[in-house]
């Protein structure tokens, strides 16, 4: 058996030290390069898929995001309208995009309704939440000629007359879910009447063809000010500046009736977390921009920012509610 001499051992140890040192240097250089590459993001425009047509609520509000975000992101975020099938066409396209942070999309509560009613196989957790940015609080709205001066009046009548109140909704949509949430809160039963959109059902309410509907500032406030309609309660975290006399459902004891359409940004699944954080930071910055806030308010909505983790928790909780109530929408 050969005994290694001291010079050979020293030589091998020196080689191992050199190899280890070179590997460490290589890793360090690689880490610096990776950090530099991450810090360089984004170095080109980030496409923003809005899965609705031009001129609608989502388009108007998300164009405000697009118009204000470039100084904070360092790159433009042009809106790409991709409407179709209740907002599912554009988000299906988003799911197939590269998860490199250069394509994002807009989502709201209706996407989860579409999933649980079988319209799309995709759901919120097939994407990476970035941030919530705007909320359109929804009001329980009735005719000013109705006998219901308060939400308590409305509930009492509905309890005594199950199935009698004609409640206007978009069947299988977010307003339908909101109606079902009100039903569940007090074990009520409404007779739902379907309409294509908010404007159509509010006009029907003004005309006396239905008894109640979910409305918002943009569609309904003018009718309230003209004393054609009455707001009974608003599904927001606090009273709205435009309607300071209208209580929130939470004030009335219904903590779970947070009836807003919350719009946010998502990215393809697997988008690197550091890039999600860059995008979220830019969204948070515009949420503090007074000019942006004013324009959102003028469009009938509120700025409501949630970062990636808080937004993920919100989507998860909302999804559980929609899944629980989705069966009621088929009745």
Foldseek 3Di string as FASTA:
>chain_A
DDDDDPVVVVVVVVVVVVVVVVVVVVVVVVVVVVVVVLVCPPVEEAEEEEAADPPDPSNLLVVLVQVPLCVQLVYGHDYDYRYDQQSVRRVVVQQPDDLALRYKYKDWLFQLLCCLLVNDVDAPVQWFFQKWWWKFKKFKKFFLPDPDPAVVSVLVVQVVPAAPAEEEDAQSGLQVLLVLLVCVVNVGHYNYDHDNDQLVVQVCRLVVVGGIYIHTCQRPVVCVVVRGMDTHEILDPADDPSCNPHHHVVVVPCVPSNRITIMGMIHRPPNDPSSSNSVNSSSVVLSPPPVSQVSQVVSRIGTDIDGRVRVVVVSVVSSVSSNVCSVVSVD
